[in-house]
Amino acid sequence: MKPNTKVVVIGGGLAGSETAYYLASRGIKTILVDMKPKKFTPAHESENFGELVCSNSLKSNDIYANACGLLKEEMRLLGSLIVSAGDNTSVPAGSALAVDREKFSAYITQKLKSCPHLTIVSEEVTALPKLEEDSYLVVATGPLTSEALSEDIKEKFGGNLHFYDASAPIVSAESIDMQNAFTGDRYGKGTGDYINCPMNKEEYYAFVDALLSAERAHLHEFEKGEIFEGCMPVEIMASRGRDTLRFGTLKPVGLYDNAGNRPYAVLQLRKENLSGEAYNLVGFQTNLKFPEQKRVFSMIPALKNAEFLRYGVMHRNTYIDAPSVLTKDFSVKNNQRLFFAGQITGVEGYVESAMSGLLVAVKIAREILGEPPLELDARTVCGALQTHISTPSKDFQPMNANFGILTPLPTRIKDKKERYKAYAERALQTLKAQLGETP
């Protein structure tokens, strides 16, 4: 290792804390820069690092039934600070890993402050600093990147920066009831890639009524105007009149079922990945709480048994158009010593954000220490998310961990429980083989 090599990490959230701790704990000179406590974002309150803002849940801990549970196990194998913090500050929550928020961030802060090779600097970074020789820069400023730094990033990367996250739900293809659906494009144009989910008059109005009465997720005041201008939630459109959706997102014009009849209303589903294992609910950006999305959207006959791989989200989220900016290892395409990590890269969720910071740290540490790189593919959740952020896309959207983005199994397993278990076993075997042994 070159003695003068240093890594500067901007941002003390989950991703930045993960990156800084991993590097410093391996003897690499690391500088963590965060604007707290001198300045706070509108959503942050604590002076500690790794502050959880929206929820105290790190989702499922079930390795064999949930992709996020599997992701956390992959991260444990890699030596994750964030997952360790979760394990050490957990509170009872069934199969989920929920934490005491204050103890969680305090645990992370204590670990960082006690790390001898880590220097912590409290100041706001308003522009990306110039890289010095033998140095690396990791930008992990999160979904609430400050306005000044956002503008600088936007300027440096050609305007490929989004300022909100308004994503529609995604369901697994196999869970769609095709007896209540038909394929085809509007007016018969295209190659018939859409799955159409029809509703009759009674079903439509029952759906609208449920949509209007459903409980919505909380938005911070600073988010509301920006988000609603950018993309109208389906429940807000419905509030403008009970027939609004039937003449907009759910319009049946140009669509006919297998019997040649035009439905009263139609939800279209579009492929989310090339394998066709996941479908996006077209135009269904929503701010409903997750259980409400499951309840209300399952009222559509074709989705009565739908498995939601990702729920719709709508909140302030600064993220770059990663496929045009980043390589698979989260480094900038024209600068292999400049990295982005966290939700700014287009991964969605606490654990996924930390994962990107961990993978960035592993990449840099192995390079500095002269070790072979860790090459992961989409058989692991880590590798699948890396593939997602680096695969060209006309409409790039943030993605969280789900089995639908993993490389399909060589043999189709019909039973979902057994299939997910097979995915998990393959992922862990793959990662352990890459590592040589379990750390």
Protein backbone atom coordinates (compact mmCIF):
# COMPACT_ATOMS: atom_id res chain seq x y z
CA MET A 1 0.00 0.00 0.00
CA LYS A 2 1.24 3.46 -0.85
CA PRO A 3 1.62 5.34 2.45
CA ASN A 4 0.29 8.64 1.07
CA THR A 5 -2.88 7.24 -0.47
CA LYS A 6 -6.02 8.69 1.05
CA VAL A 7 -9.75 8.46 0.47
CA VAL A 8 -12.13 11.37 0.99
CA VAL A 9 -15.75 10.41 1.65
CA ILE A 10 -18.41 13.13 1.43
CA GLY A 11 -21.52 12.33 3.46
CA GLY A 12 -22.03 10.62 6.79
CA GLY A 13 -25.24 8.76 6.06
CA LEU A 14 -25.48 4.99 5.76
CA ALA A 15 -23.43 4.69 2.57
CA GLY A 16 -20.74 7.18 3.58
CA SER A 17 -20.39 5.69 7.06
CA GLU A 18 -20.12 2.21 5.57
CA THR A 19 -17.43 3.30 3.11
CA ALA A 20 -15.38 5.30 5.60
CA TYR A 21 -15.38 2.65 8.33
CA TYR A 22 -14.50 -0.23 6.03
CA LEU A 23 -11.53 1.64 4.58
CA ALA A 24 -10.22 3.12 7.82
CA SER A 25 -10.55 -0.16 9.71
CA ARG A 26 -8.21 -1.67 7.13
CA GLY A 27 -5.51 0.89 7.78
CA ILE A 28 -6.29 3.18 4.86
CA LYS A 29 -6.11 6.91 5.56
CA THR A 30 -9.70 8.11 5.26
CA ILE A 31 -11.34 11.52 5.67
CA LEU A 32 -15.10 11.65 6.28
CA VAL A 33 -16.65 15.05 5.53
CA ASP A 34 -20.19 15.80 6.67
CA MET A 35 -21.95 19.13 7.16
CA LYS A 36 -23.53 18.07 10.46
CA PRO A 37 -23.62 19.44 13.12
CA LYS A 38 -22.94 22.83 11.52
CA LYS A 39 -25.82 22.39 9.08
CA PHE A 40 -28.73 19.96 8.74
CA THR A 41 -30.94 18.91 5.85
CA PRO A 42 -34.69 19.56 6.31
CA ALA A 43 -35.21 15.90 7.28
CA HIS A 44 -32.33 15.37 9.72
CA GLU A 45 -32.28 16.12 13.45
CA SER A 46 -29.49 14.12 15.10
CA GLU A 47 -25.80 15.04 15.12
CA ASN A 48 -24.90 11.36 14.81
CA PHE A 49 -23.86 9.58 11.64
CA GLY A 50 -26.07 7.01 9.92
CA GLU A 51 -29.30 8.70 10.99
CA LEU A 52 -32.48 6.90 9.93
CA VAL A 53 -35.11 9.38 8.75
CA CYS A 54 -38.24 7.67 7.40
CA SER A 55 -38.41 4.37 9.26
CA ASN A 56 -36.68 2.27 11.88
CA SER A 57 -37.03 -0.88 9.78
CA LEU A 58 -34.24 -2.39 7.72
CA LYS A 59 -36.85 -4.75 6.23
CA SER A 60 -36.87 -8.52 6.44
CA ASN A 61 -34.14 -10.56 8.05
CA ASP A 62 -35.34 -13.78 6.39
CA ILE A 63 -32.46 -14.90 4.20
CA TYR A 64 -34.42 -17.53 2.29
CA ALA A 65 -37.71 -15.74 1.70
CA ASN A 66 -36.84 -12.09 1.13
CA ALA A 67 -34.25 -10.49 -1.14
CA CYS A 68 -33.43 -7.76 1.38
CA GLY A 69 -32.86 -10.42 4.02
CA LEU A 70 -30.49 -12.14 1.61
CA LEU A 71 -28.78 -8.83 0.84
CA LYS A 72 -28.06 -8.24 4.52
CA GLU A 73 -26.50 -11.70 4.78
CA GLU A 74 -24.30 -10.94 1.78
CA MET A 75 -23.26 -7.73 3.51
CA ARG A 76 -22.48 -9.61 6.74
CA LEU A 77 -20.09 -11.79 4.76
CA LEU A 78 -18.41 -8.63 3.44
CA GLY A 79 -18.04 -7.08 6.91
CA SER A 80 -20.78 -4.45 6.94
CA LEU A 81 -20.81 -1.84 9.71
CA ILE A 82 -24.44 -0.91 9.02
CA VAL A 83 -25.81 -4.45 9.28
CA SER A 84 -23.71 -4.99 12.41
CA ALA A 85 -25.23 -1.81 13.87
CA GLY A 86 -28.68 -3.15 13.06
CA ASP A 87 -27.98 -6.53 14.62
CA ASN A 88 -26.65 -4.89 17.79
CA THR A 89 -29.48 -2.38 18.25
CA SER A 90 -32.46 -4.42 17.09
CA VAL A 91 -35.92 -4.30 18.64
CA PRO A 92 -38.60 -7.04 18.42
CA ALA A 93 -40.28 -6.93 15.01
CA GLY A 94 -41.01 -10.50 13.95
CA SER A 95 -38.90 -11.50 10.96
CA ALA A 96 -37.94 -7.87 10.22
CA LEU A 97 -34.76 -6.16 11.39
CA ALA A 98 -36.11 -3.09 13.16
CA VAL A 99 -33.78 -0.98 15.29
CA ASP A 100 -33.73 1.60 18.04
CA ARG A 101 -32.96 4.61 15.85
CA GLU A 102 -30.96 6.57 18.44
CA LYS A 103 -28.91 3.57 19.53
CA PHE A 104 -28.38 2.58 15.88
CA SER A 105 -26.85 5.91 14.83
CA ALA A 106 -24.97 6.19 18.15
CA TYR A 107 -23.41 2.76 17.51
CA ILE A 108 -22.25 3.85 14.04
CA THR A 109 -20.92 7.17 15.35
CA GLN A 110 -18.96 5.52 18.14
CA LYS A 111 -17.38 3.05 15.71
CA LEU A 112 -16.36 5.84 13.36
CA LYS A 113 -14.97 8.13 16.04
CA SER A 114 -12.92 5.34 17.57
CA CYS A 115 -11.29 4.36 14.27
CA PRO A 116 -7.61 5.53 14.36
CA HIS A 117 -7.15 5.90 10.61
CA LEU A 118 -10.28 8.05 10.16
CA THR A 119 -10.40 11.84 10.30
CA ILE A 120 -13.83 13.45 10.62
CA VAL A 121 -14.36 16.95 9.23
CA SER A 122 -17.53 18.97 9.84
CA GLU A 123 -18.14 21.29 6.90
CA GLU A 124 -20.47 21.65 3.95
CA VAL A 125 -19.06 20.66 0.58
CA THR A 126 -20.55 22.92 -2.09
CA ALA A 127 -18.56 21.59 -5.06
CA LEU A 128 -16.72 18.37 -5.83
CA PRO A 129 -13.07 18.89 -4.85
CA LYS A 130 -10.27 18.28 -7.32
CA LEU A 131 -8.70 14.86 -6.91
CA GLU A 132 -5.15 14.91 -5.62
CA GLU A 133 -2.55 12.42 -6.78
CA ASP A 134 -2.88 9.03 -5.05
CA SER A 135 -6.31 9.90 -3.71
CA TYR A 136 -9.89 8.73 -4.16
CA LEU A 137 -13.15 10.61 -3.74
CA VAL A 138 -16.47 9.02 -2.77
CA VAL A 139 -19.65 11.11 -3.04
CA ALA A 140 -22.25 9.63 -0.67
CA THR A 141 -24.42 12.66 -0.04
CA GLY A 142 -27.74 10.83 -0.13
CA PRO A 143 -31.22 11.67 -1.39
CA LEU A 144 -31.09 15.11 0.25
CA THR A 145 -27.86 16.35 -1.31
CA SER A 146 -27.52 20.09 -0.59
CA GLU A 147 -28.62 22.49 -3.28
CA ALA A 148 -25.15 23.87 -3.98
CA LEU A 149 -23.52 20.47 -4.36
CA SER A 150 -26.47 19.21 -6.42
CA GLU A 151 -25.98 22.05 -8.87
CA ASP A 152 -22.26 21.31 -9.12
CA ILE A 153 -22.89 17.61 -9.76
CA LYS A 154 -25.53 18.49 -12.33
CA GLU A 155 -23.15 20.85 -14.10
CA LYS A 156 -20.27 18.36 -14.14
CA PHE A 157 -22.37 15.46 -15.41
CA GLY A 158 -24.38 17.11 -18.14
CA GLY A 159 -27.64 17.60 -16.30
CA ASN A 160 -28.11 13.88 -15.59
CA LEU A 161 -29.58 14.53 -12.16
CA HIS A 162 -33.09 13.89 -10.88
CA PHE A 163 -34.57 15.71 -7.93
CA TYR A 164 -37.39 13.44 -6.89
CA ASP A 165 -38.23 9.79 -6.88
CA ALA A 166 -41.69 8.95 -8.17
CA SER A 167 -41.76 5.26 -8.99
CA ALA A 168 -44.71 3.01 -9.76
CA PRO A 169 -45.02 -0.44 -8.14
CA ILE A 170 -43.51 -3.53 -9.74
CA VAL A 171 -45.10 -7.00 -9.58
CA SER A 172 -43.75 -10.42 -10.44
CA ALA A 173 -44.92 -11.73 -13.80
CA GLU A 174 -45.92 -15.13 -12.46
CA SER A 175 -48.29 -13.58 -9.92
CA ILE A 176 -50.40 -11.85 -12.60
CA ASP A 177 -53.70 -13.66 -13.17
CA MET A 178 -53.67 -13.98 -16.96
CA GLN A 179 -57.21 -15.38 -16.95
CA ASN A 180 -58.23 -11.83 -16.06
CA ALA A 181 -55.76 -10.12 -18.38
CA PHE A 182 -54.81 -9.98 -22.05
CA THR A 183 -51.71 -8.93 -23.97
CA GLY A 184 -51.57 -6.30 -26.68
CA ASP A 185 -50.72 -2.70 -27.49
CA ARG A 186 -53.15 0.16 -27.94
CA TYR A 187 -54.74 0.15 -31.41
CA GLY A 188 -52.79 -3.02 -32.20
CA LYS A 189 -49.57 -1.09 -32.66
CA GLY A 190 -46.26 -2.42 -31.40
CA THR A 191 -45.28 -6.00 -30.65
CA GLY A 192 -47.86 -6.84 -27.99
CA ASP A 193 -45.55 -6.36 -25.04
CA TYR A 194 -48.11 -4.90 -22.63
CA ILE A 195 -50.22 -6.94 -20.25
CA ASN A 196 -53.64 -5.32 -19.93
CA CYS A 197 -55.65 -5.66 -16.73
CA PRO A 198 -59.30 -4.83 -17.46
CA MET A 199 -62.02 -3.73 -15.03
CA ASN A 200 -65.75 -3.59 -15.52
CA LYS A 201 -67.82 -0.64 -14.31
CA GLU A 202 -68.48 -2.01 -10.85
CA GLU A 203 -64.86 -3.04 -10.31
CA TYR A 204 -63.58 0.33 -11.50
CA TYR A 205 -65.68 2.46 -9.15
CA ALA A 206 -64.98 0.15 -6.21
CA PHE A 207 -61.27 0.57 -6.96
CA VAL A 208 -61.53 4.36 -7.18
CA ASP A 209 -63.43 4.56 -3.89
CA ALA A 210 -60.79 2.43 -2.16
CA LEU A 211 -58.02 4.53 -3.69
CA LEU A 212 -59.53 7.77 -2.41
CA SER A 213 -59.95 6.47 1.14
CA ALA A 214 -56.55 4.78 1.40
CA GLU A 215 -53.95 6.02 3.87
CA ARG A 216 -51.07 8.00 2.40
CA ALA A 217 -47.45 8.17 3.48
CA HIS A 218 -46.19 11.33 5.16
CA LEU A 219 -44.35 13.88 3.06
CA HIS A 220 -42.13 16.59 4.46
CA GLU A 221 -43.29 20.11 3.66
CA PHE A 222 -40.23 20.80 1.52
CA GLU A 223 -41.05 17.81 -0.70
CA LYS A 224 -44.68 18.45 -1.56
CA GLY A 225 -44.57 21.10 -4.27
CA GLU A 226 -41.54 19.67 -6.03
CA ILE A 227 -42.89 16.13 -6.22
CA PHE A 228 -46.43 16.88 -7.24
CA GLU A 229 -45.26 19.18 -10.02
CA GLY A 230 -42.98 16.50 -11.36
CA CYS A 231 -45.31 13.53 -11.30
CA MET A 232 -48.93 13.30 -10.22
CA PRO A 233 -49.77 10.43 -7.84
CA VAL A 234 -52.59 8.20 -9.05
CA GLU A 235 -54.63 8.92 -5.91
CA ILE A 236 -54.41 12.68 -6.53
CA MET A 237 -55.61 12.20 -10.10
CA ALA A 238 -58.53 10.12 -8.83
CA SER A 239 -59.51 12.90 -6.42
CA ARG A 240 -60.22 15.20 -9.37
CA GLY A 241 -63.24 13.15 -10.35
CA ARG A 242 -64.33 9.52 -10.26
CA ASP A 243 -63.90 9.21 -14.04
CA THR A 244 -60.56 11.02 -14.27
CA LEU A 245 -58.50 7.81 -14.29
CA ARG A 246 -60.79 6.21 -16.89
CA PHE A 247 -59.93 9.04 -19.26
CA GLY A 248 -56.27 9.06 -18.30
CA THR A 249 -54.05 6.38 -16.78
CA LEU A 250 -56.74 3.69 -17.03
CA LYS A 251 -58.24 4.67 -20.36
CA PRO A 252 -59.46 1.68 -22.41
CA VAL A 253 -59.35 3.44 -25.78
CA GLY A 254 -57.71 1.31 -28.47
CA LEU A 255 -57.66 -1.84 -26.34
CA TYR A 256 -59.82 -4.92 -26.88
CA ASP A 257 -59.83 -8.14 -24.91
CA ASN A 258 -59.56 -11.63 -26.41
CA ALA A 259 -63.29 -11.63 -27.14
CA GLY A 260 -63.06 -8.34 -29.03
CA ASN A 261 -64.71 -6.27 -26.32
CA ARG A 262 -63.46 -2.93 -25.02
CA PRO A 263 -63.21 -2.89 -21.19
CA TYR A 264 -64.59 -0.11 -19.01
CA ALA A 265 -61.10 0.68 -17.69
CA VAL A 266 -57.65 -0.88 -18.17
CA LEU A 267 -54.41 -0.85 -16.22
CA GLN A 268 -51.42 -1.57 -18.44
CA LEU A 269 -48.35 -3.44 -17.21
CA ARG A 270 -44.98 -2.99 -18.90
CA LYS A 271 -41.91 -5.22 -18.67
CA GLU A 272 -39.45 -4.01 -16.07
CA ASN A 273 -36.58 -6.26 -17.18
CA LEU A 274 -35.49 -8.13 -20.29
CA SER A 275 -36.27 -11.51 -18.76
CA GLY A 276 -39.92 -10.48 -18.40
CA GLU A 277 -40.07 -11.69 -14.80
CA ALA A 278 -41.20 -8.31 -13.47
CA TYR A 279 -43.82 -5.80 -14.67
CA ASN A 280 -44.34 -2.12 -13.91
CA LEU A 281 -47.81 -0.68 -13.21
CA VAL A 282 -47.81 2.02 -15.89
CA GLY A 283 -48.68 5.48 -14.60
CA PHE A 284 -49.26 4.30 -11.03
CA GLN A 285 -46.86 6.59 -9.19
CA THR A 286 -48.28 6.74 -5.71
CA ASN A 287 -47.80 8.01 -2.20
CA LEU A 288 -49.97 5.38 -0.53
CA LYS A 289 -48.49 3.46 2.38
CA PHE A 290 -47.13 0.08 1.34
CA PRO A 291 -49.87 -2.09 2.96
CA GLU A 292 -52.46 0.16 1.32
CA GLN A 293 -50.86 -0.31 -2.09
CA LYS A 294 -51.10 -4.07 -1.62
CA ARG A 295 -54.73 -3.87 -0.50
CA VAL A 296 -56.04 -1.39 -3.09
CA PHE A 297 -54.11 -2.42 -6.18
CA SER A 298 -54.95 -6.08 -5.55
CA MET A 299 -58.60 -5.12 -6.13
CA ILE A 300 -57.82 -5.10 -9.85
CA PRO A 301 -58.85 -8.64 -10.90
CA ALA A 302 -55.62 -9.50 -12.71
CA LEU A 303 -53.63 -8.43 -9.65
CA LYS A 304 -55.69 -10.19 -6.99
CA ASN A 305 -52.73 -12.44 -6.15
CA ALA A 306 -50.01 -9.99 -7.13
CA GLU A 307 -46.60 -10.28 -5.52
CA PHE A 308 -45.14 -6.79 -5.20
CA LEU A 309 -41.40 -6.80 -5.89
CA ARG A 310 -41.24 -3.05 -5.26
CA TYR A 311 -43.89 -0.70 -3.95
CA GLY A 312 -44.40 2.74 -5.40
CA VAL A 313 -42.47 5.55 -3.74
CA MET A 314 -42.70 9.31 -3.96
CA HIS A 315 -40.27 11.43 -2.00
CA ARG A 316 -37.39 13.83 -2.35
CA ASN A 317 -34.52 11.86 -3.80
CA THR A 318 -31.57 13.33 -5.64
CA TYR A 319 -30.06 10.70 -7.90
CA ILE A 320 -27.95 10.65 -11.02
CA ASP A 321 -28.76 8.88 -14.26
CA ALA A 322 -26.36 6.15 -13.20
CA PRO A 323 -26.22 4.09 -16.43
CA SER A 324 -24.88 7.08 -18.37
CA VAL A 325 -22.49 8.19 -15.61
CA LEU A 326 -21.27 5.15 -13.66
CA THR A 327 -19.59 1.82 -14.29
CA LYS A 328 -20.72 -1.32 -12.50
CA ASP A 329 -18.34 -0.68 -9.57
CA PHE A 330 -19.94 2.77 -8.94
CA SER A 331 -16.96 4.68 -10.33
CA VAL A 332 -17.42 7.50 -12.84
CA LYS A 333 -16.85 6.32 -16.39
CA ASN A 334 -14.13 8.84 -17.20
CA ASN A 335 -12.53 8.90 -13.73
CA GLN A 336 -11.80 5.60 -12.00
CA ARG A 337 -10.88 7.31 -8.72
CA LEU A 338 -14.18 9.17 -8.36
CA PHE A 339 -17.09 7.14 -6.97
CA PHE A 340 -20.71 7.70 -6.05
CA ALA A 341 -22.40 5.68 -3.33
CA GLY A 342 -25.81 5.50 -1.70
CA GLN A 343 -29.24 6.52 -2.95
CA ILE A 344 -27.71 9.15 -5.21
CA THR A 345 -26.66 6.22 -7.45
CA GLY A 346 -30.20 4.96 -7.96
CA VAL A 347 -30.47 2.23 -5.38
CA GLU A 348 -33.62 2.48 -3.24
CA GLY A 349 -33.71 1.80 0.47
CA TYR A 350 -31.57 1.94 3.60
CA VAL A 351 -29.88 -1.44 3.16
CA GLU A 352 -29.35 -1.03 -0.56
CA SER A 353 -27.78 2.37 0.05
CA ALA A 354 -25.37 0.97 2.61
CA MET A 355 -24.57 -1.92 0.25
CA SER A 356 -23.35 0.45 -2.46
CA GLY A 357 -21.07 2.19 0.04
CA LEU A 358 -19.72 -1.17 1.15
CA LEU A 359 -19.01 -2.32 -2.41
CA VAL A 360 -17.27 0.98 -3.19
CA ALA A 361 -15.09 0.51 -0.10
CA VAL A 362 -14.26 -3.09 -1.03
CA LYS A 363 -13.29 -1.97 -4.55
CA ILE A 364 -11.03 0.85 -3.33
CA ALA A 365 -9.48 -1.13 -0.48
CA ARG A 366 -8.57 -4.07 -2.69
CA GLU A 367 -7.06 -1.72 -5.27
CA ILE A 368 -4.98 0.15 -2.70
CA LEU A 369 -3.88 -3.02 -0.91
CA GLY A 370 -2.97 -4.79 -4.14
CA GLU A 371 -5.63 -7.47 -3.81
CA PRO A 372 -7.66 -8.91 -6.71
CA PRO A 373 -10.99 -7.18 -7.35
CA LEU A 374 -14.26 -8.67 -6.16
CA GLU A 375 -16.26 -9.43 -9.32
CA LEU A 376 -19.93 -10.05 -8.56
CA ASP A 377 -22.68 -10.86 -11.03
CA ALA A 378 -26.47 -10.91 -10.83
CA ARG A 379 -26.54 -14.28 -9.07
CA THR A 380 -26.03 -12.23 -5.90
CA VAL A 381 -28.27 -9.36 -4.80
CA CYS A 382 -25.23 -7.10 -4.59
CA GLY A 383 -24.25 -7.92 -8.14
CA ALA A 384 -27.82 -7.60 -9.41
CA LEU A 385 -28.09 -4.08 -8.03
CA GLN A 386 -24.71 -3.23 -9.54
CA THR A 387 -26.03 -4.49 -12.86
CA HIS A 388 -29.19 -2.39 -12.50
CA ILE A 389 -27.37 0.90 -11.99
CA SER A 390 -25.01 0.28 -14.89
CA THR A 391 -27.41 -1.13 -17.52
CA PRO A 392 -28.50 1.42 -20.17
CA SER A 393 -32.11 2.49 -19.74
CA LYS A 394 -34.32 5.12 -21.38
CA ASP A 395 -36.19 5.69 -18.13
CA PHE A 396 -33.80 4.85 -15.30
CA GLN A 397 -35.52 4.55 -11.92
CA PRO A 398 -34.20 3.66 -8.46
CA MET A 399 -34.45 -0.01 -7.55
CA ASN A 400 -34.48 -1.93 -4.29
CA ALA A 401 -33.54 -5.53 -3.58
CA ASN A 402 -35.91 -8.11 -5.04
CA PHE A 403 -35.58 -11.60 -6.47
CA GLY A 404 -36.88 -10.38 -9.84
CA ILE A 405 -33.56 -8.72 -10.70
CA LEU A 406 -31.45 -11.83 -10.04
CA THR A 407 -30.21 -14.05 -12.85
CA PRO A 408 -32.97 -16.66 -13.43
CA LEU A 409 -32.28 -20.13 -12.08
CA PRO A 410 -31.19 -22.68 -14.70
CA THR A 411 -34.22 -24.83 -13.88
CA ARG A 412 -37.62 -23.33 -13.21
CA ILE A 413 -38.89 -24.04 -9.67
CA LYS A 414 -42.65 -23.60 -9.49
CA ASP A 415 -42.98 -23.40 -5.71
CA LYS A 416 -42.12 -19.83 -4.71
CA LYS A 417 -40.75 -20.73 -1.29
CA GLU A 418 -38.40 -23.33 -2.73
CA ARG A 419 -37.43 -21.01 -5.60
CA TYR A 420 -36.46 -18.17 -3.26
CA LYS A 421 -34.49 -20.60 -1.13
CA ALA A 422 -32.62 -21.76 -4.24
CA TYR A 423 -31.86 -18.14 -5.19
CA ALA A 424 -30.49 -17.50 -1.70
CA GLU A 425 -28.36 -20.65 -1.56
CA ARG A 426 -26.88 -19.92 -4.97
CA ALA A 427 -26.16 -16.29 -4.04
CA LEU A 428 -24.35 -17.17 -0.83
CA GLN A 429 -22.38 -19.96 -2.47
CA THR A 430 -21.37 -17.57 -5.25
CA LEU A 431 -20.24 -14.85 -2.85
CA LYS A 432 -18.35 -17.24 -0.57
CA ALA A 433 -16.55 -18.69 -3.58
CA GLN A 434 -15.50 -15.19 -4.60
CA LEU A 435 -14.23 -14.42 -1.12
CA GLY A 436 -12.41 -17.73 -0.83
CA GLU A 437 -13.78 -18.18 2.66
CA THR A 438 -16.31 -16.56 4.97
CA PRO A 439 -14.60 -13.60 6.73
